[in-house]
Amino acid sequence: MRWKRARRSDNVVDARSSGGGRRFAGGKGLSLGGIAAVVVIGLLMGQDPLQILGQLAGQATQSSSLDQPQNSAPPTNDEQSEFVRAILGDTEDTWRAIFQSANRHYRDPTLVLFRGGVDSACGFANSAVGPFYCPGDQRVYLDLAFFRELEQRFSAAGDFAQAYVIAHEVGHHVQTLLGVSAKVNAARQRGERLEGDNGLLVRQELQADCLAGVWAHHAQRRLDWLESGDLEEALNAANAIGDDRLQKQARGQVVPDSFTHGTSAQRVRWFKAGFEQGQVSRCDTFQTARL
């Protein structure tokens, strides 16, 4: 992947030296999973991982009174953070153009690099959560150690696999701006059950996969940066983090009633749906009968 062709974003905050933020009593970590996959505990419990985070952190807050990371830019000699800045920068260029074509304004998210643990408007999270997006502060949170886990634990190596992870979380930001996240949250507040193989959480996650594909389509048209095998890297990553595969690895059986992200096949299919035509209209996972 010729990622150095992309513009670098100025919206990356380096909080890796902040000491990990506040911690829970006893320092016990959470085995949850954001988008890209370390969702084992959430899957086993049949709950939304971010909801569990909020419960464990105390009442989730929408205010800015949380201790926020210092707004320091990543060092320019750090190739990993340069990669993140490049991918985020291109998502900004892509979504700004798409929103503008629809006479809407795209508000850039901030991406926070952390190490060990971090505070957000959604509560405290440690690295076991994996990358996640918090709609309360419209920030993407990423511990770069996850990319090593993606390669070693999930056998999903490659820079385009990592780009897919970032683009998926940015897809959740797009959902926030479009009002999708608010509708799902309203359903949660009404007491509706969101989990399950046909539930709203699965539909929300699969839409974020599709939106990641939309970004990848436009980025490739603009930059021609994909090399042989790159697309397969992203599809392999999507396949590796399906609910069915994770549950099979965790406890030897699949429980569709506790799905929160979709099966491996569904994640691959929806990413491809976005990538093949680059149209947001192809990503309406909430209306389709067949996921």
C-alpha atoms as a PDB file:
ATOM      1  CA  MET A   1       0.000   0.000   0.000  1.00  0.00           C
ATOM      2  CA  ARG A   2       1.527   3.298  -1.090  1.00  0.00           C
ATOM      3  CA  TRP A   3       0.088   5.160   1.901  1.00  0.00           C
ATOM      4  CA  LYS A   4       2.699   7.918   1.846  1.00  0.00           C
ATOM      5  CA  ARG A   5       0.798   9.475  -1.052  1.00  0.00           C
ATOM      6  CA  ALA A   6      -1.931  10.610   1.335  1.00  0.00           C
ATOM      7  CA  ARG A   7      -2.215  13.964   3.061  1.00  0.00           C
ATOM      8  CA  ARG A   8      -1.386  13.865   6.770  1.00  0.00           C
ATOM      9  CA  SER A   9      -4.156  14.802   9.179  1.00  0.00           C
ATOM     10  CA  ASP A  10      -3.589  17.394  11.884  1.00  0.00           C
ATOM     11  CA  ASN A  11      -6.340  15.815  14.007  1.00  0.00           C
ATOM     12  CA  VAL A  12      -4.230  13.088  15.646  1.00  0.00           C
ATOM     13  CA  VAL A  13      -3.531  13.491  19.367  1.00  0.00           C
ATOM     14  CA  ASP A  14      -0.636  11.596  20.909  1.00  0.00           C
ATOM     15  CA  ALA A  15      -1.565  10.633  24.477  1.00  0.00           C
ATOM     16  CA  ARG A  16       0.795   7.668  24.722  1.00  0.00           C
ATOM     17  CA  SER A  17       2.927   9.305  27.384  1.00  0.00           C
ATOM     18  CA  SER A  18       0.014  10.274  29.626  1.00  0.00           C
ATOM     19  CA  GLY A  19       0.303   7.175  31.779  1.00  0.00           C
ATOM     20  CA  GLY A  20      -2.887   5.510  30.637  1.00  0.00           C
ATOM     21  CA  GLY A  21      -5.416   7.747  32.370  1.00  0.00           C
ATOM     22  CA  ARG A  22      -7.323   6.624  35.457  1.00  0.00           C
ATOM     23  CA  ARG A  23      -7.692   2.949  36.243  1.00  0.00           C
ATOM     24  CA  PHE A  24     -10.232   0.802  38.005  1.00  0.00           C
ATOM     25  CA  ALA A  25      -9.605  -0.421  41.506  1.00  0.00           C
ATOM     26  CA  GLY A  26      -7.193  -3.310  41.397  1.00  0.00           C
ATOM     27  CA  GLY A  27      -6.120  -2.421  37.856  1.00  0.00           C
ATOM     28  CA  LYS A  28      -8.268  -5.136  36.374  1.00  0.00           C
ATOM     29  CA  GLY A  29      -8.544  -4.939  32.578  1.00  0.00           C
ATOM     30  CA  LEU A  30     -11.617  -5.370  30.413  1.00  0.00           C
ATOM     31  CA  SER A  31     -11.800  -8.036  27.740  1.00  0.00           C
ATOM     32  CA  LEU A  32     -14.185  -6.258  25.389  1.00  0.00           C
ATOM     33  CA  GLY A  33     -13.984  -5.490  21.751  1.00  0.00           C
ATOM     34  CA  GLY A  34     -14.532  -2.433  19.717  1.00  0.00           C
ATOM     35  CA  ILE A  35     -14.812  -2.733  16.122  1.00  0.00           C
ATOM     36  CA  ALA A  36     -12.039  -4.656  15.205  1.00  0.00           C
ATOM     37  CA  ALA A  37     -12.533  -7.377  17.267  1.00  0.00           C
ATOM     38  CA  VAL A  38     -11.369  -7.911  20.754  1.00  0.00           C
ATOM     39  CA  VAL A  39     -15.003  -8.282  21.776  1.00  0.00           C
ATOM     40  CA  VAL A  40     -14.916 -11.639  23.458  1.00  0.00           C
ATOM     41  CA  ILE A  41     -16.387 -10.657  26.832  1.00  0.00           C
ATOM     42  CA  GLY A  42     -19.037  -8.482  25.226  1.00  0.00           C
ATOM     43  CA  LEU A  43     -19.938 -11.315  22.892  1.00  0.00           C
ATOM     44  CA  LEU A  44     -20.153 -13.866  25.662  1.00  0.00           C
ATOM     45  CA  MET A  45     -22.315 -11.572  27.762  1.00  0.00           C
ATOM     46  CA  GLY A  46     -24.485 -10.579  24.826  1.00  0.00           C
ATOM     47  CA  GLN A  47     -24.024  -6.882  25.541  1.00  0.00           C
ATOM     48  CA  ASP A  48     -22.747  -3.850  23.696  1.00  0.00           C
ATOM     49  CA  PRO A  49     -19.056  -3.456  24.703  1.00  0.00           C
ATOM     50  CA  LEU A  50     -19.279   0.350  24.966  1.00  0.00           C
ATOM     51  CA  GLN A  51     -22.319   0.019  27.209  1.00  0.00           C
ATOM     52  CA  ILE A  52     -20.303  -2.245  29.490  1.00  0.00           C
ATOM     53  CA  LEU A  53     -17.507   0.312  29.479  1.00  0.00           C
ATOM     54  CA  GLY A  54     -19.896   3.003  30.595  1.00  0.00           C
ATOM     55  CA  GLN A  55     -21.223   0.815  33.390  1.00  0.00           C
ATOM     56  CA  LEU A  56     -17.770  -0.057  34.682  1.00  0.00           C
ATOM     57  CA  ALA A  57     -16.491   3.472  34.450  1.00  0.00           C
ATOM     58  CA  GLY A  58     -19.482   4.816  36.342  1.00  0.00           C
ATOM     59  CA  GLN A  59     -22.130   6.799  34.563  1.00  0.00           C
ATOM     60  CA  ALA A  60     -20.935   7.738  31.094  1.00  0.00           C
ATOM     61  CA  THR A  61     -20.702  11.469  30.634  1.00  0.00           C
ATOM     62  CA  GLN A  62     -21.128  13.689  27.632  1.00  0.00           C
ATOM     63  CA  SER A  63     -19.333  16.615  29.225  1.00  0.00           C
ATOM     64  CA  SER A  64     -15.785  17.715  28.592  1.00  0.00           C
ATOM     65  CA  SER A  65     -14.923  17.617  32.266  1.00  0.00           C
ATOM     66  CA  LEU A  66     -13.082  14.316  31.842  1.00  0.00           C
ATOM     67  CA  ASP A  67      -9.324  14.519  31.897  1.00  0.00           C
ATOM     68  CA  GLN A  68      -8.565  14.829  28.205  1.00  0.00           C
ATOM     69  CA  PRO A  69      -5.231  13.863  26.698  1.00  0.00           C
ATOM     70  CA  GLN A  70      -2.737  16.632  26.072  1.00  0.00           C
ATOM     71  CA  ASN A  71      -3.072  17.911  22.522  1.00  0.00           C
ATOM     72  CA  SER A  72       0.414  16.984  21.416  1.00  0.00           C
ATOM     73  CA  ALA A  73       1.131  15.931  17.854  1.00  0.00           C
ATOM     74  CA  PRO A  74       2.854  12.607  17.197  1.00  0.00           C
ATOM     75  CA  PRO A  75       6.593  12.824  16.482  1.00  0.00           C
ATOM     76  CA  THR A  76       7.390  13.121  12.789  1.00  0.00           C
ATOM     77  CA  ASN A  77       9.961  10.318  12.946  1.00  0.00           C
ATOM     78  CA  ASP A  78       7.368   7.767  14.142  1.00  0.00           C
ATOM     79  CA  GLU A  79       6.310   5.818  11.052  1.00  0.00           C
ATOM     80  CA  GLN A  80       3.341   4.140  12.753  1.00  0.00           C
ATOM     81  CA  SER A  81       1.800   7.440  13.766  1.00  0.00           C
ATOM     82  CA  GLU A  82       2.628   8.865  10.329  1.00  0.00           C
ATOM     83  CA  PHE A  83       0.643   5.979   8.835  1.00  0.00           C
ATOM     84  CA  VAL A  84      -2.309   6.769  11.095  1.00  0.00           C
ATOM     85  CA  ARG A  85      -2.149  10.444  10.148  1.00  0.00           C
ATOM     86  CA  ALA A  86      -2.091   9.514   6.466  1.00  0.00           C
ATOM     87  CA  ILE A  87      -5.112   7.201   6.677  1.00  0.00           C
ATOM     88  CA  LEU A  88      -7.094   9.633   8.814  1.00  0.00           C
ATOM     89  CA  GLY A  89      -6.155  12.487   6.483  1.00  0.00           C
ATOM     90  CA  ASP A  90      -7.522  10.614   3.504  1.00  0.00           C
ATOM     91  CA  THR A  91     -10.742   9.718   5.296  1.00  0.00           C
ATOM     92  CA  GLU A  92     -11.133  13.453   5.938  1.00  0.00           C
ATOM     93  CA  ASP A  93     -10.629  14.268   2.250  1.00  0.00           C
ATOM     94  CA  THR A  94     -13.048  11.547   1.170  1.00  0.00           C
ATOM     95  CA  TRP A  95     -15.870  12.300   3.589  1.00  0.00           C
ATOM     96  CA  ARG A  96     -15.582  16.056   3.186  1.00  0.00           C
ATOM     97  CA  ALA A  97     -16.142  15.613  -0.556  1.00  0.00           C
ATOM     98  CA  ILE A  98     -19.011  13.142  -0.116  1.00  0.00           C
ATOM     99  CA  PHE A  99     -20.785  15.341   2.423  1.00  0.00           C
ATOM    100  CA  GLN A 100     -20.248  18.443   0.297  1.00  0.00           C
ATOM    101  CA  SER A 101     -21.818  16.708  -2.700  1.00  0.00           C
ATOM    102  CA  ALA A 102     -24.905  16.202  -0.522  1.00  0.00           C
ATOM    103  CA  ASN A 103     -24.853  19.855   0.632  1.00  0.00           C
ATOM    104  CA  ARG A 104     -23.768  18.851   4.110  1.00  0.00           C
ATOM    105  CA  HIS A 105     -20.778  19.711   6.261  1.00  0.00           C
ATOM    106  CA  TYR A 106     -18.387  16.998   7.426  1.00  0.00           C
ATOM    107  CA  ARG A 107     -16.889  17.656  10.849  1.00  0.00           C
ATOM    108  CA  ASP A 108     -13.531  15.923  11.218  1.00  0.00           C
ATOM    109  CA  PRO A 109     -13.135  13.542  14.169  1.00  0.00           C
ATOM    110  CA  THR A 110     -10.042  13.523  16.356  1.00  0.00           C
ATOM    111  CA  LEU A 111      -8.012  10.331  16.652  1.00  0.00           C
ATOM    112  CA  VAL A 112      -6.312   9.734  20.005  1.00  0.00           C
ATOM    113  CA  LEU A 113      -3.295   7.448  20.196  1.00  0.00           C
ATOM    114  CA  PHE A 114      -2.999   5.922  23.670  1.00  0.00           C
ATOM    115  CA  ARG A 115      -1.037   3.237  25.425  1.00  0.00           C
ATOM    116  CA  GLY A 116      -2.469   0.971  28.100  1.00  0.00           C
ATOM    117  CA  GLY A 117      -5.650   2.868  28.926  1.00  0.00           C
ATOM    118  CA  VAL A 118      -7.499   6.080  28.232  1.00  0.00           C
ATOM    119  CA  ASP A 119     -10.425   8.183  29.427  1.00  0.00           C
ATOM    120  CA  SER A 120     -13.118   9.205  26.990  1.00  0.00           C
ATOM    121  CA  ALA A 121     -16.632  10.625  27.179  1.00  0.00           C
ATOM    122  CA  CYS A 122     -17.769   6.975  27.008  1.00  0.00           C
ATOM    123  CA  GLY A 123     -15.794   6.055  30.126  1.00  0.00           C
ATOM    124  CA  PHE A 124     -12.420   4.466  30.779  1.00  0.00           C
ATOM    125  CA  ALA A 125     -11.046   1.879  28.368  1.00  0.00           C
ATOM    126  CA  ASN A 126      -7.903  -0.186  28.452  1.00  0.00           C
ATOM    127  CA  SER A 127      -6.108  -1.666  25.481  1.00  0.00           C
ATOM    128  CA  ALA A 128      -8.139  -4.891  25.590  1.00  0.00           C
ATOM    129  CA  VAL A 129     -11.063  -2.916  24.177  1.00  0.00           C
ATOM    130  CA  GLY A 130      -9.297  -2.524  20.863  1.00  0.00           C
ATOM    131  CA  PRO A 131      -9.897   0.545  18.690  1.00  0.00           C
ATOM    132  CA  PHE A 132     -13.195   2.289  19.399  1.00  0.00           C
ATOM    133  CA  TYR A 133     -15.171   5.404  18.566  1.00  0.00           C
ATOM    134  CA  CYS A 134     -16.932   7.451  21.225  1.00  0.00           C
ATOM    135  CA  PRO A 135     -19.865   9.540  19.942  1.00  0.00           C
ATOM    136  CA  GLY A 136     -19.856  11.587  23.160  1.00  0.00           C
ATOM    137  CA  ASP A 137     -16.629  13.384  22.216  1.00  0.00           C
ATOM    138  CA  GLN A 138     -16.509  12.348  18.531  1.00  0.00           C
ATOM    139  CA  ARG A 139     -13.069  10.805  18.906  1.00  0.00           C
ATOM    140  CA  VAL A 140     -11.500   7.605  17.647  1.00  0.00           C
ATOM    141  CA  TYR A 141      -9.248   5.879  20.192  1.00  0.00           C
ATOM    142  CA  LEU A 142      -6.416   3.592  19.113  1.00  0.00           C
ATOM    143  CA  ASP A 143      -3.634   1.753  20.903  1.00  0.00           C
ATOM    144  CA  LEU A 144      -1.133   0.917  18.171  1.00  0.00           C
ATOM    145  CA  ALA A 145      -0.370  -2.370  19.940  1.00  0.00           C
ATOM    146  CA  PHE A 146      -3.688  -3.571  18.509  1.00  0.00           C
ATOM    147  CA  PHE A 147      -2.153  -3.783  15.056  1.00  0.00           C
ATOM    148  CA  ARG A 148       0.373  -6.272  16.390  1.00  0.00           C
ATOM    149  CA  GLU A 149      -2.459  -8.275  17.916  1.00  0.00           C
ATOM    150  CA  LEU A 150      -4.353  -8.093  14.638  1.00  0.00           C
ATOM    151  CA  GLU A 151      -1.381  -9.728  12.939  1.00  0.00           C
ATOM    152  CA  GLN A 152      -0.407 -12.249  15.610  1.00  0.00           C
ATOM    153  CA  ARG A 153      -3.746 -13.263  17.120  1.00  0.00           C
ATOM    154  CA  PHE A 154      -6.038 -12.866  14.141  1.00  0.00           C
ATOM    155  CA  SER A 155      -3.544 -13.559  11.328  1.00  0.00           C
ATOM    156  CA  ALA A 156      -4.648 -10.347   9.622  1.00  0.00           C
ATOM    157  CA  ALA A 157      -1.402  -8.622   8.728  1.00  0.00           C
ATOM    158  CA  GLY A 158      -0.854  -5.740   6.342  1.00  0.00           C
ATOM    159  CA  ASP A 159      -1.132  -1.980   6.193  1.00  0.00           C
ATOM    160  CA  PHE A 160      -4.463  -2.028   4.348  1.00  0.00           C
ATOM    161  CA  ALA A 161      -5.883  -4.293   7.057  1.00  0.00           C
ATOM    162  CA  GLN A 162      -4.862  -1.609   9.553  1.00  0.00           C
ATOM    163  CA  ALA A 163      -6.340   1.108   7.348  1.00  0.00           C
ATOM    164  CA  TYR A 164      -9.637  -0.819   7.298  1.00  0.00           C
ATOM    165  CA  VAL A 165      -9.703  -0.782  11.106  1.00  0.00           C
ATOM    166  CA  ILE A 166      -9.282   3.004  11.215  1.00  0.00           C
ATOM    167  CA  ALA A 167     -11.800   3.536   8.412  1.00  0.00           C
ATOM    168  CA  HIS A 168     -14.379   1.380  10.220  1.00  0.00           C
ATOM    169  CA  GLU A 169     -14.141   3.567  13.323  1.00  0.00           C
ATOM    170  CA  VAL A 170     -14.389   6.700  11.173  1.00  0.00           C
ATOM    171  CA  GLY A 171     -17.486   5.038   9.694  1.00  0.00           C
ATOM    172  CA  HIS A 172     -19.032   5.213  13.159  1.00  0.00           C
ATOM    173  CA  HIS A 173     -18.273   8.936  13.184  1.00  0.00           C
ATOM    174  CA  VAL A 174     -20.082   9.285   9.852  1.00  0.00           C
ATOM    175  CA  GLN A 175     -23.042   7.481  11.425  1.00  0.00           C
ATOM    176  CA  THR A 176     -23.012   9.987  14.286  1.00  0.00           C
ATOM    177  CA  LEU A 177     -23.093  12.927  11.880  1.00  0.00           C
ATOM    178  CA  LEU A 178     -25.915  11.310   9.884  1.00  0.00           C
ATOM    179  CA  GLY A 179     -28.002  10.640  13.000  1.00  0.00           C
ATOM    180  CA  VAL A 180     -27.767   6.852  12.805  1.00  0.00           C
ATOM    181  CA  SER A 181     -26.023   6.467  16.155  1.00  0.00           C
ATOM    182  CA  ALA A 182     -28.646   8.606  17.895  1.00  0.00           C
ATOM    183  CA  LYS A 183     -31.431   6.372  16.602  1.00  0.00           C
ATOM    184  CA  VAL A 184     -29.686   3.229  17.840  1.00  0.00           C
ATOM    185  CA  ASN A 185     -29.068   4.848  21.216  1.00  0.00           C
ATOM    186  CA  ALA A 186     -32.716   5.897  21.422  1.00  0.00           C
ATOM    187  CA  ALA A 187     -33.726   2.283  20.859  1.00  0.00           C
ATOM    188  CA  ARG A 188     -31.401   1.259  23.697  1.00  0.00           C
ATOM    189  CA  GLN A 189     -32.942   3.822  26.027  1.00  0.00           C
ATOM    190  CA  ARG A 190     -36.412   2.475  25.188  1.00  0.00           C
ATOM    191  CA  GLY A 191     -35.217  -0.873  26.469  1.00  0.00           C
ATOM    192  CA  GLU A 192     -35.132  -2.605  23.098  1.00  0.00           C
ATOM    193  CA  ARG A 193     -32.800  -5.560  22.798  1.00  0.00           C
ATOM    194  CA  LEU A 194     -30.087  -4.609  20.331  1.00  0.00           C
ATOM    195  CA  GLU A 195     -27.988  -7.781  20.240  1.00  0.00           C
ATOM    196  CA  GLY A 196     -28.561 -10.767  18.005  1.00  0.00           C
ATOM    197  CA  ASP A 197     -27.782 -11.789  14.448  1.00  0.00           C
ATOM    198  CA  ASN A 198     -30.487  -9.504  13.062  1.00  0.00           C
ATOM    199  CA  GLY A 199     -30.256  -6.794  15.713  1.00  0.00           C
ATOM    200  CA  LEU A 200     -29.528  -3.096  15.494  1.00  0.00           C
ATOM    201  CA  LEU A 201     -25.962  -3.414  16.787  1.00  0.00           C
ATOM    202  CA  VAL A 202     -25.068  -5.852  14.018  1.00  0.00           C
ATOM    203  CA  ARG A 203     -26.703  -3.603  11.432  1.00  0.00           C
ATOM    204  CA  GLN A 204     -24.817  -0.598  12.802  1.00  0.00           C
ATOM    205  CA  GLU A 205     -21.460  -2.387  12.677  1.00  0.00           C
ATOM    206  CA  LEU A 206     -22.034  -3.786   9.201  1.00  0.00           C
ATOM    207  CA  GLN A 207     -22.928  -0.321   7.970  1.00  0.00           C
ATOM    208  CA  ALA A 208     -19.624   0.971   9.372  1.00  0.00           C
ATOM    209  CA  ASP A 209     -17.877  -1.807   7.420  1.00  0.00           C
ATOM    210  CA  CYS A 210     -19.684  -0.692   4.272  1.00  0.00           C
ATOM    211  CA  LEU A 211     -18.756   2.942   4.894  1.00  0.00           C
ATOM    212  CA  ALA A 212     -15.132   1.859   5.282  1.00  0.00           C
ATOM    213  CA  GLY A 213     -15.481   0.271   1.851  1.00  0.00           C
ATOM    214  CA  VAL A 214     -16.907   3.509   0.426  1.00  0.00           C
ATOM    215  CA  TRP A 215     -13.853   5.368   1.711  1.00  0.00           C
ATOM    216  CA  ALA A 216     -11.508   2.742   0.252  1.00  0.00           C
ATOM    217  CA  HIS A 217     -13.189   3.033  -3.159  1.00  0.00           C
ATOM    218  CA  HIS A 218     -12.767   6.802  -3.356  1.00  0.00           C
ATOM    219  CA  ALA A 219      -9.263   6.748  -1.888  1.00  0.00           C
ATOM    220  CA  GLN A 220      -8.132   4.264  -4.532  1.00  0.00           C
ATOM    221  CA  ARG A 221      -9.648   6.322  -7.342  1.00  0.00           C
ATOM    222  CA  ARG A 222      -7.912   9.442  -6.088  1.00  0.00           C
ATOM    223  CA  LEU A 223      -4.509   8.071  -5.056  1.00  0.00           C
ATOM    224  CA  ASP A 224      -4.140   4.729  -6.868  1.00  0.00           C
ATOM    225  CA  TRP A 225      -2.312   3.511  -3.791  1.00  0.00           C
ATOM    226  CA  LEU A 226      -3.361  -0.136  -3.507  1.00  0.00           C
ATOM    227  CA  GLU A 227      -0.851  -2.792  -4.480  1.00  0.00           C
ATOM    228  CA  SER A 228      -1.302  -6.459  -5.223  1.00  0.00           C
ATOM    229  CA  GLY A 229      -2.793  -8.241  -2.203  1.00  0.00           C
ATOM    230  CA  ASP A 230      -3.880  -5.086  -0.378  1.00  0.00           C
ATOM    231  CA  LEU A 231      -7.610  -5.581  -0.882  1.00  0.00           C
ATOM    232  CA  GLU A 232      -7.256  -9.170   0.297  1.00  0.00           C
ATOM    233  CA  GLU A 233      -5.632  -7.849   3.493  1.00  0.00           C
ATOM    234  CA  ALA A 234      -8.711  -5.795   4.337  1.00  0.00           C
ATOM    235  CA  LEU A 235     -11.076  -8.641   3.486  1.00  0.00           C
ATOM    236  CA  ASN A 236      -9.005 -11.003   5.599  1.00  0.00           C
ATOM    237  CA  ALA A 237      -9.204  -8.607   8.540  1.00  0.00           C
ATOM    238  CA  ALA A 238     -12.983  -8.321   8.154  1.00  0.00           C
ATOM    239  CA  ASN A 239     -13.241 -12.101   7.989  1.00  0.00           C
ATOM    240  CA  ALA A 240     -11.024 -12.584  11.044  1.00  0.00           C
ATOM    241  CA  ILE A 241     -13.182 -10.505  13.381  1.00  0.00           C
ATOM    242  CA  GLY A 242     -16.662 -11.800  12.679  1.00  0.00           C
ATOM    243  CA  ASP A 243     -18.804 -12.715  15.687  1.00  0.00           C
ATOM    244  CA  ASP A 244     -19.093 -16.346  14.638  1.00  0.00           C
ATOM    245  CA  ARG A 245     -15.354 -16.801  14.281  1.00  0.00           C
ATOM    246  CA  LEU A 246     -14.546 -15.021  17.543  1.00  0.00           C
ATOM    247  CA  GLN A 247     -17.128 -17.016  19.475  1.00  0.00           C
ATOM    248  CA  LYS A 248     -15.905 -20.274  17.976  1.00  0.00           C
ATOM    249  CA  GLN A 249     -12.364 -19.435  19.068  1.00  0.00           C
ATOM    250  CA  ALA A 250     -13.444 -18.275  22.526  1.00  0.00           C
ATOM    251  CA  ARG A 251     -15.724 -21.131  23.594  1.00  0.00           C
ATOM    252  CA  GLY A 252     -16.012 -23.585  20.763  1.00  0.00           C
ATOM    253  CA  GLN A 253     -19.571 -22.728  19.740  1.00  0.00           C
ATOM    254  CA  VAL A 254     -21.506 -19.962  18.033  1.00  0.00           C
ATOM    255  CA  VAL A 255     -24.385 -18.144  19.747  1.00  0.00           C
ATOM    256  CA  PRO A 256     -26.152 -15.910  17.186  1.00  0.00           C
ATOM    257  CA  ASP A 257     -28.393 -14.361  19.867  1.00  0.00           C
ATOM    258  CA  SER A 258     -25.342 -12.592  21.312  1.00  0.00           C
ATOM    259  CA  PHE A 259     -23.954 -11.234  18.031  1.00  0.00           C
ATOM    260  CA  THR A 260     -22.999  -7.549  18.046  1.00  0.00           C
ATOM    261  CA  HIS A 261     -20.857  -7.115  14.914  1.00  0.00           C
ATOM    262  CA  GLY A 262     -21.999  -9.657  12.318  1.00  0.00           C
ATOM    263  CA  THR A 263     -20.534 -12.854  10.934  1.00  0.00           C
ATOM    264  CA  SER A 264     -17.266 -13.019   9.048  1.00  0.00           C
ATOM    265  CA  ALA A 265     -19.117 -13.481   5.759  1.00  0.00           C
ATOM    266  CA  GLN A 266     -21.378 -10.504   6.457  1.00  0.00           C
ATOM    267  CA  ARG A 267     -18.485  -8.216   7.340  1.00  0.00           C
ATOM    268  CA  VAL A 268     -16.651  -9.142   4.158  1.00  0.00           C
ATOM    269  CA  ARG A 269     -19.801  -8.738   2.047  1.00  0.00           C
ATOM    270  CA  TRP A 270     -20.655  -5.288   3.345  1.00  0.00           C
ATOM    271  CA  PHE A 271     -17.119  -3.967   3.032  1.00  0.00           C
ATOM    272  CA  LYS A 272     -17.101  -5.186  -0.575  1.00  0.00           C
ATOM    273  CA  ALA A 273     -20.510  -3.580  -1.193  1.00  0.00           C
ATOM    274  CA  GLY A 274     -19.073  -0.205  -0.251  1.00  0.00           C
ATOM    275  CA  PHE A 275     -15.787  -0.727  -2.057  1.00  0.00           C
ATOM    276  CA  GLU A 276     -17.205  -1.894  -5.370  1.00  0.00           C
ATOM    277  CA  GLN A 277     -19.358   1.170  -6.103  1.00  0.00           C
ATOM    278  CA  GLY A 278     -18.370   3.758  -3.529  1.00  0.00           C
ATOM    279  CA  GLN A 279     -21.975   4.782  -2.857  1.00  0.00           C
ATOM    280  CA  VAL A 280     -23.270   5.522   0.626  1.00  0.00           C
ATOM    281  CA  SER A 281     -26.734   4.525  -0.545  1.00  0.00           C
ATOM    282  CA  ARG A 282     -25.488   0.929  -0.829  1.00  0.00           C
ATOM    283  CA  CYS A 283     -24.841   0.889   2.907  1.00  0.00           C
ATOM    284  CA  ASP A 284     -28.412   0.920   4.247  1.00  0.00           C
ATOM    285  CA  THR A 285     -28.091  -2.149   6.430  1.00  0.00           C
ATOM    286  CA  PHE A 286     -31.114  -1.091   8.459  1.00  0.00           C
ATOM    287  CA  GLN A 287     -33.646  -1.600   5.658  1.00  0.00           C
ATOM    288  CA  THR A 288     -32.345  -4.739   4.008  1.00  0.00           C
ATOM    289  CA  ALA A 289     -33.930  -8.070   4.901  1.00  0.00           C
ATOM    290  CA  ARG A 290     -30.753 -10.017   4.145  1.00  0.00           C
ATOM    291  CA  LEU A 291     -27.605  -9.058   5.993  1.00  0.00           C
END
